[in-house]
Amino acid sequence: MKKVILIIIAIFIIFTVNSKKEEMIIPKEAIRFRVIANSNQQKDQENKILVRDDIQKEITEDLNQSENIENARNTLKNNVSKYENIVSNTLAKNNMNTTYQVNYGMNYFPEKVYKGVKYEEGYYESLVVTLGNGLGDNWWCVLFPPLCLLEAEETEEKTEVEYKFFIQELIDKYLK
């Protein structure tokens, strides 16, 4: 009987630990970044990624020294025309014939579930790049605090690590 109780407790602990590890909360005072594709056609989605990559490189450099949200706000506001030029150059360089708009301010975001957390729809402080009609799927992240910039770096440097739980190994050993 004691073994059964210990096994149940161990299973509960394992599931509790595993369910918490992916959760990431976006602070209420954050600046988001969103790139909206013209449509969901493959070419428009590819264009969205090209624009995102080029503008995100510049934003990363610009926000690298931002120590607080006010610095980040000022940097983004002061560089909107530079970001418009980057979008324009990316479109021209890749022979993309579409209109675009770059807007910094309070912009609408639909409801989103990200890493197990539900984010309500609403208007959020953000930099939004809309390509063409803006009817396609979008890509978004958080610029400040720099969650998407950190996540991009994590993806580049990611190495596989295997975690083992002693209790889980015991359960696997005796229940299989």
C-alpha atoms as a PDB file:
ATOM      1  CA  MET A   1       0.000   0.000   0.000  1.00  0.00           C
ATOM      2  CA  LYS A   2       2.852   2.374   0.839  1.00  0.00           C
ATOM      3  CA  LYS A   3       4.387   1.753  -2.594  1.00  0.00           C
ATOM      4  CA  VAL A   4       1.134   2.691  -4.326  1.00  0.00           C
ATOM      5  CA  ILE A   5       0.847   5.941  -2.346  1.00  0.00           C
ATOM      6  CA  LEU A   6       4.482   6.814  -3.066  1.00  0.00           C
ATOM      7  CA  ILE A   7       3.978   6.128  -6.751  1.00  0.00           C
ATOM      8  CA  ILE A   8       0.854   8.326  -6.865  1.00  0.00           C
ATOM      9  CA  ILE A   9       2.699  11.156  -5.093  1.00  0.00           C
ATOM     10  CA  ALA A  10       5.660  10.782  -7.451  1.00  0.00           C
ATOM     11  CA  ILE A  11       3.406  10.900 -10.513  1.00  0.00           C
ATOM     12  CA  PHE A  12       1.710  14.028  -9.174  1.00  0.00           C
ATOM     13  CA  ILE A  13       5.068  15.733  -8.593  1.00  0.00           C
ATOM     14  CA  ILE A  14       6.333  14.813 -12.066  1.00  0.00           C
ATOM     15  CA  PHE A  15       3.247  16.162 -13.810  1.00  0.00           C
ATOM     16  CA  THR A  16       3.283  19.333 -11.727  1.00  0.00           C
ATOM     17  CA  VAL A  17       6.949  20.041 -12.549  1.00  0.00           C
ATOM     18  CA  ASN A  18       6.516  19.234 -16.261  1.00  0.00           C
ATOM     19  CA  SER A  19       3.394  21.411 -16.650  1.00  0.00           C
ATOM     20  CA  LYS A  20       5.055  24.535 -15.189  1.00  0.00           C
ATOM     21  CA  LYS A  21       8.293  24.602 -17.188  1.00  0.00           C
ATOM     22  CA  GLU A  22       6.944  26.122 -20.440  1.00  0.00           C
ATOM     23  CA  GLU A  23       4.860  28.930 -18.950  1.00  0.00           C
ATOM     24  CA  MET A  24       5.955  32.464 -19.847  1.00  0.00           C
ATOM     25  CA  ILE A  25       4.001  35.527 -18.786  1.00  0.00           C
ATOM     26  CA  ILE A  26       4.155  38.769 -20.762  1.00  0.00           C
ATOM     27  CA  PRO A  27       4.217  41.735 -18.359  1.00  0.00           C
ATOM     28  CA  LYS A  28       1.298  44.182 -18.537  1.00  0.00           C
ATOM     29  CA  GLU A  29       3.699  46.980 -19.420  1.00  0.00           C
ATOM     30  CA  ALA A  30       5.376  45.564 -22.501  1.00  0.00           C
ATOM     31  CA  ILE A  31       5.992  46.583 -26.096  1.00  0.00           C
ATOM     32  CA  ARG A  32       4.988  44.032 -28.690  1.00  0.00           C
ATOM     33  CA  PHE A  33       6.110  43.551 -32.283  1.00  0.00           C
ATOM     34  CA  ARG A  34       3.893  42.143 -35.013  1.00  0.00           C
ATOM     35  CA  VAL A  35       4.307  41.472 -38.733  1.00  0.00           C
ATOM     36  CA  ILE A  36       1.088  40.732 -40.621  1.00  0.00           C
ATOM     37  CA  ALA A  37       1.234  39.017 -44.004  1.00  0.00           C
ATOM     38  CA  ASN A  38      -0.792  40.162 -46.995  1.00  0.00           C
ATOM     39  CA  SER A  39      -2.534  36.763 -47.177  1.00  0.00           C
ATOM     40  CA  ASN A  40      -2.019  33.128 -46.257  1.00  0.00           C
ATOM     41  CA  GLN A  41      -0.622  32.238 -49.660  1.00  0.00           C
ATOM     42  CA  GLN A  42       2.811  30.668 -49.343  1.00  0.00           C
ATOM     43  CA  LYS A  43       4.614  33.530 -51.106  1.00  0.00           C
ATOM     44  CA  ASP A  44       3.004  36.140 -48.827  1.00  0.00           C
ATOM     45  CA  GLN A  45       3.951  34.124 -45.740  1.00  0.00           C
ATOM     46  CA  GLU A  46       7.541  33.837 -46.997  1.00  0.00           C
ATOM     47  CA  ASN A  47       7.599  37.604 -47.605  1.00  0.00           C
ATOM     48  CA  LYS A  48       6.428  38.167 -44.030  1.00  0.00           C
ATOM     49  CA  ILE A  49       9.369  36.136 -42.695  1.00  0.00           C
ATOM     50  CA  LEU A  50      11.895  38.001 -44.878  1.00  0.00           C
ATOM     51  CA  VAL A  51      10.589  41.365 -43.679  1.00  0.00           C
ATOM     52  CA  ARG A  52      10.505  40.152 -40.081  1.00  0.00           C
ATOM     53  CA  ASP A  53      14.094  38.922 -40.216  1.00  0.00           C
ATOM     54  CA  ASP A  54      15.465  42.149 -41.691  1.00  0.00           C
ATOM     55  CA  ILE A  55      13.602  44.530 -39.398  1.00  0.00           C
ATOM     56  CA  GLN A  56      14.177  42.409 -36.295  1.00  0.00           C
ATOM     57  CA  LYS A  57      17.956  42.565 -36.814  1.00  0.00           C
ATOM     58  CA  GLU A  58      17.818  46.351 -36.744  1.00  0.00           C
ATOM     59  CA  ILE A  59      15.418  46.504 -33.805  1.00  0.00           C
ATOM     60  CA  THR A  60      17.657  44.140 -31.837  1.00  0.00           C
ATOM     61  CA  GLU A  61      20.608  46.483 -32.324  1.00  0.00           C
ATOM     62  CA  ASP A  62      18.506  49.546 -31.522  1.00  0.00           C
ATOM     63  CA  LEU A  63      17.047  48.128 -28.308  1.00  0.00           C
ATOM     64  CA  ASN A  64      20.249  46.447 -27.162  1.00  0.00           C
ATOM     65  CA  GLN A  65      21.082  49.330 -24.813  1.00  0.00           C
ATOM     66  CA  SER A  66      17.523  50.049 -23.620  1.00  0.00           C
ATOM     67  CA  GLU A  67      17.535  49.760 -19.869  1.00  0.00           C
ATOM     68  CA  ASN A  68      13.859  50.552 -19.304  1.00  0.00           C
ATOM     69  CA  ILE A  69      10.576  50.801 -21.162  1.00  0.00           C
ATOM     70  CA  GLU A  70      10.870  54.582 -21.645  1.00  0.00           C
ATOM     71  CA  ASN A  71      14.199  54.182 -23.457  1.00  0.00           C
ATOM     72  CA  ALA A  72      12.684  51.445 -25.615  1.00  0.00           C
ATOM     73  CA  ARG A  73       9.626  53.609 -26.432  1.00  0.00           C
ATOM     74  CA  ASN A  74      11.764  56.560 -27.447  1.00  0.00           C
ATOM     75  CA  THR A  75      14.058  54.388 -29.553  1.00  0.00           C
ATOM     76  CA  LEU A  76      11.154  52.820 -31.428  1.00  0.00           C
ATOM     77  CA  LYS A  77       9.301  56.130 -31.928  1.00  0.00           C
ATOM     78  CA  ASN A  78      12.431  57.838 -33.209  1.00  0.00           C
ATOM     79  CA  ASN A  79      13.230  55.068 -35.687  1.00  0.00           C
ATOM     80  CA  VAL A  80       9.873  54.391 -37.385  1.00  0.00           C
ATOM     81  CA  SER A  81      11.088  55.976 -40.637  1.00  0.00           C
ATOM     82  CA  LYS A  82      14.230  53.805 -40.520  1.00  0.00           C
ATOM     83  CA  TYR A  83      12.019  50.711 -40.093  1.00  0.00           C
ATOM     84  CA  GLU A  84       9.879  51.848 -43.032  1.00  0.00           C
ATOM     85  CA  ASN A  85      13.057  52.076 -45.140  1.00  0.00           C
ATOM     86  CA  ILE A  86      14.090  48.581 -44.090  1.00  0.00           C
ATOM     87  CA  VAL A  87      10.694  47.179 -45.104  1.00  0.00           C
ATOM     88  CA  SER A  88      10.840  49.071 -48.394  1.00  0.00           C
ATOM     89  CA  ASN A  89      14.370  47.816 -49.131  1.00  0.00           C
ATOM     90  CA  THR A  90      13.480  44.225 -48.218  1.00  0.00           C
ATOM     91  CA  LEU A  91      10.452  44.301 -50.505  1.00  0.00           C
ATOM     92  CA  ALA A  92      12.476  45.787 -53.387  1.00  0.00           C
ATOM     93  CA  LYS A  93      15.463  43.464 -52.876  1.00  0.00           C
ATOM     94  CA  ASN A  94      13.179  40.401 -53.046  1.00  0.00           C
ATOM     95  CA  ASN A  95      10.985  41.665 -55.925  1.00  0.00           C
ATOM     96  CA  MET A  96       7.907  41.854 -53.703  1.00  0.00           C
ATOM     97  CA  ASN A  97       5.310  44.121 -55.211  1.00  0.00           C
ATOM     98  CA  THR A  98       3.112  45.004 -52.232  1.00  0.00           C
ATOM     99  CA  THR A  99       2.223  47.980 -50.116  1.00  0.00           C
ATOM    100  CA  TYR A 100       3.113  48.200 -46.446  1.00  0.00           C
ATOM    101  CA  GLN A 101       2.516  50.203 -43.321  1.00  0.00           C
ATOM    102  CA  VAL A 102       4.670  50.552 -40.205  1.00  0.00           C
ATOM    103  CA  ASN A 103       2.839  51.802 -37.129  1.00  0.00           C
ATOM    104  CA  TYR A 104       4.037  52.403 -33.591  1.00  0.00           C
ATOM    105  CA  GLY A 105       1.336  52.963 -30.984  1.00  0.00           C
ATOM    106  CA  MET A 106      -1.687  51.179 -29.579  1.00  0.00           C
ATOM    107  CA  ASN A 107      -2.510  48.409 -32.049  1.00  0.00           C
ATOM    108  CA  TYR A 108      -5.031  45.577 -32.001  1.00  0.00           C
ATOM    109  CA  PHE A 109      -3.883  42.028 -31.226  1.00  0.00           C
ATOM    110  CA  PRO A 110      -6.213  39.027 -31.461  1.00  0.00           C
ATOM    111  CA  GLU A 111      -6.413  36.473 -28.646  1.00  0.00           C
ATOM    112  CA  LYS A 112      -3.361  34.231 -28.596  1.00  0.00           C
ATOM    113  CA  VAL A 113      -2.198  31.189 -26.649  1.00  0.00           C
ATOM    114  CA  TYR A 114       1.577  31.155 -26.341  1.00  0.00           C
ATOM    115  CA  LYS A 115       3.576  28.596 -24.355  1.00  0.00           C
ATOM    116  CA  GLY A 116       0.489  27.559 -22.441  1.00  0.00           C
ATOM    117  CA  VAL A 117      -0.638  31.072 -21.509  1.00  0.00           C
ATOM    118  CA  LYS A 118      -3.735  32.742 -22.957  1.00  0.00           C
ATOM    119  CA  TYR A 119      -3.323  36.412 -23.889  1.00  0.00           C
ATOM    120  CA  GLU A 120      -6.516  38.397 -24.270  1.00  0.00           C
ATOM    121  CA  GLU A 121      -7.339  40.279 -27.429  1.00  0.00           C
ATOM    122  CA  GLY A 122      -7.051  44.017 -27.183  1.00  0.00           C
ATOM    123  CA  TYR A 123      -5.023  47.073 -27.972  1.00  0.00           C
ATOM    124  CA  TYR A 124      -1.388  46.930 -26.929  1.00  0.00           C
ATOM    125  CA  GLU A 125       1.587  49.232 -27.261  1.00  0.00           C
ATOM    126  CA  SER A 126       3.405  47.828 -30.255  1.00  0.00           C
ATOM    127  CA  LEU A 127       5.293  48.211 -33.488  1.00  0.00           C
ATOM    128  CA  VAL A 128       3.200  46.664 -36.260  1.00  0.00           C
ATOM    129  CA  VAL A 129       4.255  46.051 -39.850  1.00  0.00           C
ATOM    130  CA  THR A 130       1.325  45.313 -42.153  1.00  0.00           C
ATOM    131  CA  LEU A 131       2.083  43.966 -45.621  1.00  0.00           C
ATOM    132  CA  GLY A 132      -0.481  44.550 -48.365  1.00  0.00           C
ATOM    133  CA  ASN A 133      -4.041  43.961 -47.153  1.00  0.00           C
ATOM    134  CA  GLY A 134      -2.862  42.454 -43.857  1.00  0.00           C
ATOM    135  CA  LEU A 135      -5.259  39.520 -44.155  1.00  0.00           C
ATOM    136  CA  GLY A 136      -2.741  36.726 -43.571  1.00  0.00           C
ATOM    137  CA  ASP A 137      -1.395  35.005 -40.499  1.00  0.00           C
ATOM    138  CA  ASN A 138       0.852  37.140 -38.384  1.00  0.00           C
ATOM    139  CA  TRP A 139       4.034  36.690 -36.408  1.00  0.00           C
ATOM    140  CA  TRP A 140       4.434  38.475 -33.091  1.00  0.00           C
ATOM    141  CA  CYS A 141       6.649  38.707 -30.060  1.00  0.00           C
ATOM    142  CA  VAL A 142       7.552  41.039 -27.203  1.00  0.00           C
ATOM    143  CA  LEU A 143      10.280  43.626 -27.834  1.00  0.00           C
ATOM    144  CA  PHE A 144      10.460  45.012 -24.315  1.00  0.00           C
ATOM    145  CA  PRO A 145      11.179  43.278 -22.111  1.00  0.00           C
ATOM    146  CA  PRO A 146      13.090  41.570 -24.924  1.00  0.00           C
ATOM    147  CA  LEU A 147      11.357  38.180 -24.854  1.00  0.00           C
ATOM    148  CA  CYS A 148      11.381  37.587 -28.615  1.00  0.00           C
ATOM    149  CA  LEU A 149      14.930  38.801 -28.964  1.00  0.00           C
ATOM    150  CA  LEU A 150      16.056  36.417 -26.223  1.00  0.00           C
ATOM    151  CA  GLU A 151      13.977  33.625 -27.721  1.00  0.00           C
ATOM    152  CA  ALA A 152      15.598  34.171 -31.120  1.00  0.00           C
ATOM    153  CA  GLU A 153      19.022  33.878 -29.513  1.00  0.00           C
ATOM    154  CA  GLU A 154      17.927  30.723 -27.660  1.00  0.00           C
ATOM    155  CA  THR A 155      16.834  29.141 -30.930  1.00  0.00           C
ATOM    156  CA  GLU A 156      20.200  29.841 -32.539  1.00  0.00           C
ATOM    157  CA  GLU A 157      22.210  28.475 -29.615  1.00  0.00           C
ATOM    158  CA  LYS A 158      19.875  25.666 -28.600  1.00  0.00           C
ATOM    159  CA  THR A 159      21.433  22.357 -27.716  1.00  0.00           C
ATOM    160  CA  GLU A 160      19.501  19.280 -26.727  1.00  0.00           C
ATOM    161  CA  VAL A 161      19.566  18.482 -23.039  1.00  0.00           C
ATOM    162  CA  GLU A 162      17.904  15.391 -21.688  1.00  0.00           C
ATOM    163  CA  TYR A 163      16.445  15.666 -18.209  1.00  0.00           C
ATOM    164  CA  LYS A 164      15.795  12.543 -16.196  1.00  0.00           C
ATOM    165  CA  PHE A 165      13.792  12.257 -13.029  1.00  0.00           C
ATOM    166  CA  PHE A 166      14.894   9.585 -10.610  1.00  0.00           C
ATOM    167  CA  ILE A 167      11.315   8.909  -9.509  1.00  0.00           C
ATOM    168  CA  GLN A 168      10.141   8.681 -13.110  1.00  0.00           C
ATOM    169  CA  GLU A 169      12.918   6.189 -13.873  1.00  0.00           C
ATOM    170  CA  LEU A 170      11.789   4.069 -10.929  1.00  0.00           C
ATOM    171  CA  ILE A 171       8.183   4.159 -12.104  1.00  0.00           C
ATOM    172  CA  ASP A 172       9.230   3.240 -15.627  1.00  0.00           C
ATOM    173  CA  LYS A 173      11.409   0.425 -14.306  1.00  0.00           C
ATOM    174  CA  TYR A 174       8.784  -1.192 -12.062  1.00  0.00           C
ATOM    175  CA  LEU A 175       5.570  -0.502 -13.962  1.00  0.00           C
ATOM    176  CA  LYS A 176       6.660  -1.488 -17.458  1.00  0.00           C
END
